[in-house]
Amino acid sequence: MLRIALPNKGSLAQAASEILRESGYRQREDSKQLVLSDPENGVEFFYLRPRDIALYVGEGTLDVGITGRDLLHDSGATAAEVRTLGFGRSTFWFAGPTGRFSDVTDLEGQRIATSYVGVVEAYLRSRGVEASVIRLDGAVETSIQLGVADAIADVVETGATLRRAGLATFGEPVLQSEAVLIARPAVELPDAFEVFKRRLEGVLVARSYVMMDYDIAETDVAAAVELTPGIEGPTVSPLRREGWVAVRAMVPRAGAQRLMDELYDLGARGILLTDIHACRL
């Protein structure tokens, strides 16, 4: 049975649960439940503190897990990314009093407060910068005002919290993070892993594409197919209306409305978009 580590709380946990439900796996109904067996699909889920997932997988206690790239890097565990999962995106930045710092080299000899010591120390080493890294749990924005640090390193979304504290980001992003599927490298996993990964990939592709159907004159099919080539080619079927065909193809969700406009201008009619819940390619 494949043993899978999942985050037990937060937005990452909710998004992971959603994609697994869409993939056909059981998920817990009670947030206090820490273990859930799904024998029909050959998997067992363990709901853990997000920061601990990479360590459990890296030590071989569990086979695979879903966590954030930032947490994986911060852990120092031997687990490795298998694939990205397209949700939970965030950007990790250095920030300090507005106008005080402009580049990471300005942090030489400074104190940096963060909840991600491993990420920050590795980044500073790679840039040849020596600084004191102070671990703080929770919000770090007030650490400068309270005299604990000269700068901070944290996940930044809109930057509104930083601005309220009189801070601004500087330099380049320390890390671009998102949810990732992780496993121990060079270790043979149960057969259920390939099925698990394939199901996740099917849902991720389905989220990125829609099915497009339209009717068009045979004389315009070649031009229409250039716009909608599909994954392995569109399906073209004859209509009872002489000289017309029905075309079906998967198209990227992004830009689908513009594509409908282009097909309409080309002469296509009866243009429909349908959500895809899962697929195998």
C-alpha atoms as a PDB file:
ATOM      1  CA  MET A   1       0.000   0.000   0.000  1.00  0.00           C
ATOM      2  CA  LEU A   2       1.296   3.475  -0.934  1.00  0.00           C
ATOM      3  CA  ARG A   3       1.710   5.716   2.123  1.00  0.00           C
ATOM      4  CA  ILE A   4       1.148   9.390   1.387  1.00  0.00           C
ATOM      5  CA  ALA A   5       1.861  12.411   3.616  1.00  0.00           C
ATOM      6  CA  LEU A   6      -0.555  15.333   3.334  1.00  0.00           C
ATOM      7  CA  PRO A   7      -0.702  18.721   5.112  1.00  0.00           C
ATOM      8  CA  ASN A   8      -3.205  18.644   7.954  1.00  0.00           C
ATOM      9  CA  LYS A   9      -4.251  22.309   7.899  1.00  0.00           C
ATOM     10  CA  GLY A  10      -4.210  25.548   5.952  1.00  0.00           C
ATOM     11  CA  SER A  11      -4.898  26.483   2.344  1.00  0.00           C
ATOM     12  CA  LEU A  12      -2.364  23.935   1.084  1.00  0.00           C
ATOM     13  CA  ALA A  13      -4.268  21.158   2.878  1.00  0.00           C
ATOM     14  CA  GLN A  14      -7.581  22.255   1.386  1.00  0.00           C
ATOM     15  CA  ALA A  15      -6.218  22.440  -2.157  1.00  0.00           C
ATOM     16  CA  ALA A  16      -4.482  19.057  -1.810  1.00  0.00           C
ATOM     17  CA  SER A  17      -7.703  17.464  -0.584  1.00  0.00           C
ATOM     18  CA  GLU A  18      -9.635  18.904  -3.534  1.00  0.00           C
ATOM     19  CA  ILE A  19      -7.261  17.553  -6.169  1.00  0.00           C
ATOM     20  CA  LEU A  20      -7.223  14.128  -4.508  1.00  0.00           C
ATOM     21  CA  ARG A  21     -11.014  13.961  -4.423  1.00  0.00           C
ATOM     22  CA  GLU A  22     -11.066  14.870  -8.115  1.00  0.00           C
ATOM     23  CA  SER A  23      -8.531  12.083  -8.665  1.00  0.00           C
ATOM     24  CA  GLY A  24     -10.919   9.530  -7.182  1.00  0.00           C
ATOM     25  CA  TYR A  25      -9.354   9.100  -3.714  1.00  0.00           C
ATOM     26  CA  ARG A  26     -11.161   9.138  -0.409  1.00  0.00           C
ATOM     27  CA  GLN A  27     -10.495  12.127   1.823  1.00  0.00           C
ATOM     28  CA  ARG A  28     -11.259  12.745   5.463  1.00  0.00           C
ATOM     29  CA  GLU A  29     -14.471  14.405   6.617  1.00  0.00           C
ATOM     30  CA  ASP A  30     -13.144  15.218  10.092  1.00  0.00           C
ATOM     31  CA  SER A  31     -10.152  17.606  10.259  1.00  0.00           C
ATOM     32  CA  LYS A  32      -9.010  15.873  13.461  1.00  0.00           C
ATOM     33  CA  GLN A  33      -8.558  12.558  11.669  1.00  0.00           C
ATOM     34  CA  LEU A  34      -4.833  11.915  11.204  1.00  0.00           C
ATOM     35  CA  VAL A  35      -4.871   8.658   9.214  1.00  0.00           C
ATOM     36  CA  LEU A  36      -7.203   7.574   6.421  1.00  0.00           C
ATOM     37  CA  SER A  37      -7.031   4.255   4.579  1.00  0.00           C
ATOM     38  CA  ASP A  38      -8.315   3.884   1.011  1.00  0.00           C
ATOM     39  CA  PRO A  39      -7.782   0.158   0.337  1.00  0.00           C
ATOM     40  CA  GLU A  40      -9.799   0.224  -2.875  1.00  0.00           C
ATOM     41  CA  ASN A  41      -7.129   2.463  -4.407  1.00  0.00           C
ATOM     42  CA  GLY A  42      -4.183   0.936  -2.564  1.00  0.00           C
ATOM     43  CA  VAL A  43      -3.214   4.068  -0.603  1.00  0.00           C
ATOM     44  CA  GLU A  44      -3.112   5.300   2.972  1.00  0.00           C
ATOM     45  CA  PHE A  45      -3.058   9.014   3.850  1.00  0.00           C
ATOM     46  CA  PHE A  46      -1.280  10.532   6.851  1.00  0.00           C
ATOM     47  CA  TYR A  47      -2.170  14.124   7.750  1.00  0.00           C
ATOM     48  CA  LEU A  48       0.856  15.867   9.193  1.00  0.00           C
ATOM     49  CA  ARG A  49       2.147  19.301  10.107  1.00  0.00           C
ATOM     50  CA  PRO A  50       3.199  20.813   6.739  1.00  0.00           C
ATOM     51  CA  ARG A  51       6.755  21.455   7.942  1.00  0.00           C
ATOM     52  CA  ASP A  52       7.230  17.782   8.873  1.00  0.00           C
ATOM     53  CA  ILE A  53       6.158  16.194   5.590  1.00  0.00           C
ATOM     54  CA  ALA A  54       9.519  16.430   3.797  1.00  0.00           C
ATOM     55  CA  LEU A  55      11.277  14.878   6.789  1.00  0.00           C
ATOM     56  CA  TYR A  56       8.909  11.901   6.997  1.00  0.00           C
ATOM     57  CA  VAL A  57       9.298  11.260   3.264  1.00  0.00           C
ATOM     58  CA  GLY A  58      13.048  11.888   3.247  1.00  0.00           C
ATOM     59  CA  GLU A  59      13.607   9.418   6.076  1.00  0.00           C
ATOM     60  CA  GLY A  60      11.543   6.775   4.303  1.00  0.00           C
ATOM     61  CA  THR A  61       8.852   6.655   6.982  1.00  0.00           C
ATOM     62  CA  LEU A  62       6.309   7.514   4.278  1.00  0.00           C
ATOM     63  CA  ASP A  63       6.571   6.939   0.531  1.00  0.00           C
ATOM     64  CA  VAL A  64       5.508  10.251  -0.994  1.00  0.00           C
ATOM     65  CA  GLY A  65       3.983  13.539   0.096  1.00  0.00           C
ATOM     66  CA  ILE A  66       2.483  16.829  -0.959  1.00  0.00           C
ATOM     67  CA  THR A  67       4.032  19.971   0.499  1.00  0.00           C
ATOM     68  CA  GLY A  68       5.342  23.395  -0.491  1.00  0.00           C
ATOM     69  CA  ARG A  69       8.671  23.818  -2.253  1.00  0.00           C
ATOM     70  CA  ASP A  70       9.661  26.360   0.408  1.00  0.00           C
ATOM     71  CA  LEU A  71       9.038  23.820   3.178  1.00  0.00           C
ATOM     72  CA  LEU A  72      10.926  21.131   1.259  1.00  0.00           C
ATOM     73  CA  HIS A  73      13.994  23.348   0.836  1.00  0.00           C
ATOM     74  CA  ASP A  74      13.817  24.600   4.406  1.00  0.00           C
ATOM     75  CA  SER A  75      13.733  21.072   5.839  1.00  0.00           C
ATOM     76  CA  GLY A  76      17.077  19.962   4.397  1.00  0.00           C
ATOM     77  CA  ALA A  77      15.502  16.530   3.878  1.00  0.00           C
ATOM     78  CA  THR A  78      16.680  14.133   1.164  1.00  0.00           C
ATOM     79  CA  ALA A  79      13.231  14.094  -0.448  1.00  0.00           C
ATOM     80  CA  ALA A  80      13.061  15.438  -4.007  1.00  0.00           C
ATOM     81  CA  GLU A  81      10.420  16.992  -6.217  1.00  0.00           C
ATOM     82  CA  VAL A  82       8.588  14.562  -8.495  1.00  0.00           C
ATOM     83  CA  ARG A  83       6.360  17.170 -10.129  1.00  0.00           C
ATOM     84  CA  THR A  84       4.729  20.532  -9.510  1.00  0.00           C
ATOM     85  CA  LEU A  85       1.014  20.617  -8.718  1.00  0.00           C
ATOM     86  CA  GLY A  86      -0.057  24.069  -9.891  1.00  0.00           C
ATOM     87  CA  PHE A  87      -1.516  25.454  -6.655  1.00  0.00           C
ATOM     88  CA  GLY A  88      -0.268  27.145  -3.491  1.00  0.00           C
ATOM     89  CA  ARG A  89       2.023  29.497  -5.412  1.00  0.00           C
ATOM     90  CA  SER A  90       3.969  32.083  -3.411  1.00  0.00           C
ATOM     91  CA  THR A  91       7.123  34.178  -3.680  1.00  0.00           C
ATOM     92  CA  PHE A  92       9.796  34.443  -0.993  1.00  0.00           C
ATOM     93  CA  TRP A  93      11.510  37.848  -0.624  1.00  0.00           C
ATOM     94  CA  PHE A  94      13.898  39.814   1.522  1.00  0.00           C
ATOM     95  CA  ALA A  95      12.362  42.998   2.917  1.00  0.00           C
ATOM     96  CA  GLY A  96      13.562  45.898   5.031  1.00  0.00           C
ATOM     97  CA  PRO A  97      12.835  49.520   5.890  1.00  0.00           C
ATOM     98  CA  THR A  98      11.924  51.388   2.700  1.00  0.00           C
ATOM     99  CA  GLY A  99      15.057  52.731   0.998  1.00  0.00           C
ATOM    100  CA  ARG A 100      17.570  51.079   3.335  1.00  0.00           C
ATOM    101  CA  PHE A 101      18.480  48.024   1.238  1.00  0.00           C
ATOM    102  CA  SER A 102      18.673  47.592  -2.537  1.00  0.00           C
ATOM    103  CA  ASP A 103      20.423  44.238  -3.009  1.00  0.00           C
ATOM    104  CA  VAL A 104      21.192  41.040  -1.103  1.00  0.00           C
ATOM    105  CA  THR A 105      24.825  42.144  -0.749  1.00  0.00           C
ATOM    106  CA  ASP A 106      23.580  44.951   1.525  1.00  0.00           C
ATOM    107  CA  LEU A 107      22.717  42.269   4.075  1.00  0.00           C
ATOM    108  CA  GLU A 108      26.377  41.589   4.871  1.00  0.00           C
ATOM    109  CA  GLY A 109      26.714  41.564   8.679  1.00  0.00           C
ATOM    110  CA  GLN A 110      23.003  42.255   9.216  1.00  0.00           C
ATOM    111  CA  ARG A 111      20.390  40.376  11.263  1.00  0.00           C
ATOM    112  CA  ILE A 112      17.635  38.673   9.264  1.00  0.00           C
ATOM    113  CA  ALA A 113      14.451  37.354  10.883  1.00  0.00           C
ATOM    114  CA  THR A 114      12.590  34.514   9.159  1.00  0.00           C
ATOM    115  CA  SER A 115      10.568  31.373   9.697  1.00  0.00           C
ATOM    116  CA  TYR A 116      12.577  29.665   6.941  1.00  0.00           C
ATOM    117  CA  VAL A 117      16.131  29.519   8.253  1.00  0.00           C
ATOM    118  CA  GLY A 118      17.224  26.710   5.918  1.00  0.00           C
ATOM    119  CA  VAL A 119      16.039  28.547   2.796  1.00  0.00           C
ATOM    120  CA  VAL A 120      17.627  31.845   3.812  1.00  0.00           C
ATOM    121  CA  GLU A 121      20.966  30.398   4.923  1.00  0.00           C
ATOM    122  CA  ALA A 122      21.311  28.395   1.696  1.00  0.00           C
ATOM    123  CA  TYR A 123      20.503  31.467  -0.402  1.00  0.00           C
ATOM    124  CA  LEU A 124      23.007  33.672   1.458  1.00  0.00           C
ATOM    125  CA  ARG A 125      25.743  31.031   1.109  1.00  0.00           C
ATOM    126  CA  SER A 126      25.122  30.829  -2.627  1.00  0.00           C
ATOM    127  CA  ARG A 127      25.612  34.617  -2.834  1.00  0.00           C
ATOM    128  CA  GLY A 128      28.647  34.724  -0.541  1.00  0.00           C
ATOM    129  CA  VAL A 129      26.870  36.905   2.043  1.00  0.00           C
ATOM    130  CA  GLU A 130      27.533  36.452   5.776  1.00  0.00           C
ATOM    131  CA  ALA A 131      24.652  37.486   8.015  1.00  0.00           C
ATOM    132  CA  SER A 132      22.941  36.371  11.206  1.00  0.00           C
ATOM    133  CA  VAL A 133      19.708  34.467  10.557  1.00  0.00           C
ATOM    134  CA  ILE A 134      17.198  34.548  13.408  1.00  0.00           C
ATOM    135  CA  ARG A 135      14.385  31.992  13.532  1.00  0.00           C
ATOM    136  CA  LEU A 136      10.981  33.366  14.415  1.00  0.00           C
ATOM    137  CA  ASP A 137       7.687  31.505  14.191  1.00  0.00           C
ATOM    138  CA  GLY A 138       4.687  33.343  12.844  1.00  0.00           C
ATOM    139  CA  ALA A 139       4.638  36.938  11.589  1.00  0.00           C
ATOM    140  CA  VAL A 140       8.103  38.472  11.329  1.00  0.00           C
ATOM    141  CA  GLU A 141       7.173  41.977  10.102  1.00  0.00           C
ATOM    142  CA  THR A 142       7.358  43.528  13.595  1.00  0.00           C
ATOM    143  CA  SER A 143      10.826  42.106  14.366  1.00  0.00           C
ATOM    144  CA  ILE A 144      12.579  45.158  12.890  1.00  0.00           C
ATOM    145  CA  GLN A 145      10.482  47.654  14.856  1.00  0.00           C
ATOM    146  CA  LEU A 146      11.125  45.654  18.017  1.00  0.00           C
ATOM    147  CA  GLY A 147      14.885  45.716  17.433  1.00  0.00           C
ATOM    148  CA  VAL A 148      15.296  41.979  16.893  1.00  0.00           C
ATOM    149  CA  ALA A 149      16.366  42.194  13.246  1.00  0.00           C
ATOM    150  CA  ASP A 150      17.554  44.594  10.533  1.00  0.00           C
ATOM    151  CA  ALA A 151      15.685  42.830   7.707  1.00  0.00           C
ATOM    152  CA  ILE A 152      13.261  39.956   7.218  1.00  0.00           C
ATOM    153  CA  ALA A 153      12.748  37.126   4.728  1.00  0.00           C
ATOM    154  CA  ASP A 154       9.216  35.892   4.226  1.00  0.00           C
ATOM    155  CA  VAL A 155       6.510  34.829   1.796  1.00  0.00           C
ATOM    156  CA  VAL A 156       5.008  37.908   0.149  1.00  0.00           C
ATOM    157  CA  GLU A 157       1.660  37.911  -1.666  1.00  0.00           C
ATOM    158  CA  THR A 158       0.322  41.436  -2.181  1.00  0.00           C
ATOM    159  CA  GLY A 159       2.902  43.307  -0.070  1.00  0.00           C
ATOM    160  CA  ALA A 160       0.154  45.160   1.836  1.00  0.00           C
ATOM    161  CA  THR A 161       1.311  43.842   5.234  1.00  0.00           C
ATOM    162  CA  LEU A 162       4.872  44.955   4.518  1.00  0.00           C
ATOM    163  CA  ARG A 163       3.800  48.444   3.494  1.00  0.00           C
ATOM    164  CA  ARG A 164       1.783  48.860   6.686  1.00  0.00           C
ATOM    165  CA  ALA A 165       4.951  48.028   8.622  1.00  0.00           C
ATOM    166  CA  GLY A 166       7.002  50.540   6.584  1.00  0.00           C
ATOM    167  CA  LEU A 167       8.881  47.771   4.756  1.00  0.00           C
ATOM    168  CA  ALA A 168       9.611  47.043   1.102  1.00  0.00           C
ATOM    169  CA  THR A 169      11.029  44.066  -0.762  1.00  0.00           C
ATOM    170  CA  PHE A 170      14.433  44.350  -2.423  1.00  0.00           C
ATOM    171  CA  GLY A 171      16.722  42.341  -4.665  1.00  0.00           C
ATOM    172  CA  GLU A 172      15.516  39.257  -6.528  1.00  0.00           C
ATOM    173  CA  PRO A 173      13.042  36.685  -5.171  1.00  0.00           C
ATOM    174  CA  VAL A 174      14.718  34.203  -2.854  1.00  0.00           C
ATOM    175  CA  LEU A 175      12.429  31.384  -3.984  1.00  0.00           C
ATOM    176  CA  GLN A 176       9.376  30.791  -6.141  1.00  0.00           C
ATOM    177  CA  SER A 177       7.287  28.231  -4.299  1.00  0.00           C
ATOM    178  CA  GLU A 178       4.214  26.118  -5.019  1.00  0.00           C
ATOM    179  CA  ALA A 179       2.781  22.775  -4.000  1.00  0.00           C
ATOM    180  CA  VAL A 180       4.917  19.844  -5.127  1.00  0.00           C
ATOM    181  CA  LEU A 181       4.718  16.064  -5.056  1.00  0.00           C
ATOM    182  CA  ILE A 182       7.831  14.704  -3.347  1.00  0.00           C
ATOM    183  CA  ALA A 183       9.448  11.285  -2.900  1.00  0.00           C
ATOM    184  CA  ARG A 184      12.766   9.792  -1.831  1.00  0.00           C
ATOM    185  CA  PRO A 185      15.155   9.683  -4.807  1.00  0.00           C
ATOM    186  CA  ALA A 186      16.425   6.351  -6.145  1.00  0.00           C
ATOM    187  CA  VAL A 187      13.915   4.325  -4.111  1.00  0.00           C
ATOM    188  CA  GLU A 188      11.498   1.813  -5.630  1.00  0.00           C
ATOM    189  CA  LEU A 189       7.934   2.788  -4.751  1.00  0.00           C
ATOM    190  CA  PRO A 190       4.789   0.606  -4.644  1.00  0.00           C
ATOM    191  CA  ASP A 191       2.984   0.059  -7.950  1.00  0.00           C
ATOM    192  CA  ALA A 192       0.169   2.312  -6.723  1.00  0.00           C
ATOM    193  CA  PHE A 193       2.501   5.293  -7.055  1.00  0.00           C
ATOM    194  CA  GLU A 194       2.406   5.343 -10.860  1.00  0.00           C
ATOM    195  CA  VAL A 195      -1.386   5.219 -10.769  1.00  0.00           C
ATOM    196  CA  PHE A 196      -1.421   7.977  -8.142  1.00  0.00           C
ATOM    197  CA  LYS A 197       0.871  10.224 -10.171  1.00  0.00           C
ATOM    198  CA  ARG A 198      -1.021   9.553 -13.401  1.00  0.00           C
ATOM    199  CA  ARG A 199      -4.338  10.460 -11.761  1.00  0.00           C
ATOM    200  CA  LEU A 200      -2.920  13.732 -10.432  1.00  0.00           C
ATOM    201  CA  GLU A 201      -1.514  14.563 -13.852  1.00  0.00           C
ATOM    202  CA  GLY A 202      -4.892  13.820 -15.423  1.00  0.00           C
ATOM    203  CA  VAL A 203      -6.654  16.283 -13.118  1.00  0.00           C
ATOM    204  CA  LEU A 204      -3.988  18.957 -13.626  1.00  0.00           C
ATOM    205  CA  VAL A 205      -4.268  18.682 -17.401  1.00  0.00           C
ATOM    206  CA  ALA A 206      -8.062  18.739 -17.147  1.00  0.00           C
ATOM    207  CA  ARG A 207      -7.883  21.949 -15.134  1.00  0.00           C
ATOM    208  CA  SER A 208      -5.755  23.576 -17.833  1.00  0.00           C
ATOM    209  CA  TYR A 209      -7.890  22.546 -20.820  1.00  0.00           C
ATOM    210  CA  VAL A 210     -11.502  22.623 -21.938  1.00  0.00           C
ATOM    211  CA  MET A 211     -13.274  20.648 -24.631  1.00  0.00           C
ATOM    212  CA  MET A 212     -14.366  22.749 -27.603  1.00  0.00           C
ATOM    213  CA  ASP A 213     -17.047  21.642 -30.081  1.00  0.00           C
ATOM    214  CA  TYR A 214     -18.125  23.546 -33.154  1.00  0.00           C
ATOM    215  CA  ASP A 215     -19.681  23.110 -36.588  1.00  0.00           C
ATOM    216  CA  ILE A 216     -17.964  24.480 -39.669  1.00  0.00           C
ATOM    217  CA  ALA A 217     -18.044  24.252 -43.450  1.00  0.00           C
ATOM    218  CA  GLU A 218     -15.723  21.616 -44.924  1.00  0.00           C
ATOM    219  CA  THR A 219     -13.992  24.304 -46.964  1.00  0.00           C
ATOM    220  CA  ASP A 220     -12.868  26.026 -43.736  1.00  0.00           C
ATOM    221  CA  VAL A 221     -11.802  22.935 -41.788  1.00  0.00           C
ATOM    222  CA  ALA A 222      -8.085  23.289 -42.526  1.00  0.00           C
ATOM    223  CA  ALA A 223      -7.994  26.855 -41.190  1.00  0.00           C
ATOM    224  CA  ALA A 224     -10.096  25.906 -38.151  1.00  0.00           C
ATOM    225  CA  VAL A 225      -7.885  22.950 -37.287  1.00  0.00           C
ATOM    226  CA  GLU A 226      -4.858  25.242 -37.288  1.00  0.00           C
ATOM    227  CA  LEU A 227      -6.573  27.139 -34.483  1.00  0.00           C
ATOM    228  CA  THR A 228      -7.666  23.980 -32.612  1.00  0.00           C
ATOM    229  CA  PRO A 229      -5.070  21.243 -33.253  1.00  0.00           C
ATOM    230  CA  GLY A 230      -6.048  19.388 -30.062  1.00  0.00           C
ATOM    231  CA  ILE A 231      -3.674  17.120 -28.156  1.00  0.00           C
ATOM    232  CA  GLU A 232      -3.263  14.380 -30.752  1.00  0.00           C
ATOM    233  CA  GLY A 233      -5.456  15.909 -33.427  1.00  0.00           C
ATOM    234  CA  PRO A 234      -9.123  16.972 -33.387  1.00  0.00           C
ATOM    235  CA  THR A 235     -12.097  14.711 -34.048  1.00  0.00           C
ATOM    236  CA  VAL A 236     -13.875  15.656 -37.295  1.00  0.00           C
ATOM    237  CA  SER A 237     -17.311  14.097 -37.961  1.00  0.00           C
ATOM    238  CA  PRO A 238     -19.763  14.644 -40.843  1.00  0.00           C
ATOM    239  CA  LEU A 239     -23.036  16.458 -40.196  1.00  0.00           C
ATOM    240  CA  ARG A 240     -26.397  15.799 -41.833  1.00  0.00           C
ATOM    241  CA  ARG A 241     -26.028  19.312 -43.217  1.00  0.00           C
ATOM    242  CA  GLU A 242     -24.281  18.832 -46.534  1.00  0.00           C
ATOM    243  CA  GLY A 243     -20.834  20.371 -46.775  1.00  0.00           C
ATOM    244  CA  TRP A 244     -20.484  20.820 -42.998  1.00  0.00           C
ATOM    245  CA  VAL A 245     -18.621  18.899 -40.278  1.00  0.00           C
ATOM    246  CA  ALA A 246     -18.500  18.839 -36.487  1.00  0.00           C
ATOM    247  CA  VAL A 247     -15.108  19.362 -34.861  1.00  0.00           C
ATOM    248  CA  ARG A 248     -14.113  18.455 -31.287  1.00  0.00           C
ATOM    249  CA  ALA A 249     -10.732  19.294 -29.735  1.00  0.00           C
ATOM    250  CA  MET A 250      -9.104  19.965 -26.359  1.00  0.00           C
ATOM    251  CA  VAL A 251      -7.914  23.568 -26.166  1.00  0.00           C
ATOM    252  CA  PRO A 252      -6.090  25.525 -23.426  1.00  0.00           C
ATOM    253  CA  ARG A 253      -8.513  27.086 -20.959  1.00  0.00           C
ATOM    254  CA  ALA A 254      -6.524  30.315 -21.052  1.00  0.00           C
ATOM    255  CA  GLY A 255      -7.526  32.174 -24.189  1.00  0.00           C
ATOM    256  CA  ALA A 256     -10.502  29.942 -24.975  1.00  0.00           C
ATOM    257  CA  GLN A 257     -12.896  32.897 -25.281  1.00  0.00           C
ATOM    258  CA  ARG A 258     -10.610  34.609 -27.781  1.00  0.00           C
ATOM    259  CA  LEU A 259     -10.386  31.346 -29.709  1.00  0.00           C
ATOM    260  CA  MET A 260     -14.198  31.169 -29.882  1.00  0.00           C
ATOM    261  CA  ASP A 261     -14.233  34.662 -31.404  1.00  0.00           C
ATOM    262  CA  GLU A 262     -11.665  33.668 -34.032  1.00  0.00           C
ATOM    263  CA  LEU A 263     -13.612  30.538 -34.968  1.00  0.00           C
ATOM    264  CA  TYR A 264     -16.841  32.502 -35.234  1.00  0.00           C
ATOM    265  CA  ASP A 265     -15.165  34.995 -37.557  1.00  0.00           C
ATOM    266  CA  LEU A 266     -13.950  32.032 -39.602  1.00  0.00           C
ATOM    267  CA  GLY A 267     -17.531  30.839 -40.027  1.00  0.00           C
ATOM    268  CA  ALA A 268     -17.873  28.280 -37.234  1.00  0.00           C
ATOM    269  CA  ARG A 269     -21.230  28.022 -35.480  1.00  0.00           C
ATOM    270  CA  GLY A 270     -22.635  26.100 -32.521  1.00  0.00           C
ATOM    271  CA  ILE A 271     -19.385  26.684 -30.621  1.00  0.00           C
ATOM    272  CA  LEU A 272     -19.451  25.064 -27.174  1.00  0.00           C
ATOM    273  CA  LEU A 273     -16.993  24.880 -24.274  1.00  0.00           C
ATOM    274  CA  THR A 274     -17.179  22.007 -21.762  1.00  0.00           C
ATOM    275  CA  ASP A 275     -15.182  21.515 -18.570  1.00  0.00           C
ATOM    276  CA  ILE A 276     -12.991  18.402 -18.345  1.00  0.00           C
ATOM    277  CA  HIS A 277     -12.867  16.833 -14.885  1.00  0.00           C
ATOM    278  CA  ALA A 278     -10.132  14.273 -15.551  1.00  0.00           C
ATOM    279  CA  CYS A 279      -8.265  12.730 -18.457  1.00  0.00           C
ATOM    280  CA  ARG A 280      -5.488  10.299 -19.410  1.00  0.00           C
ATOM    281  CA  LEU A 281      -3.130  11.351 -22.167  1.00  0.00           C
END
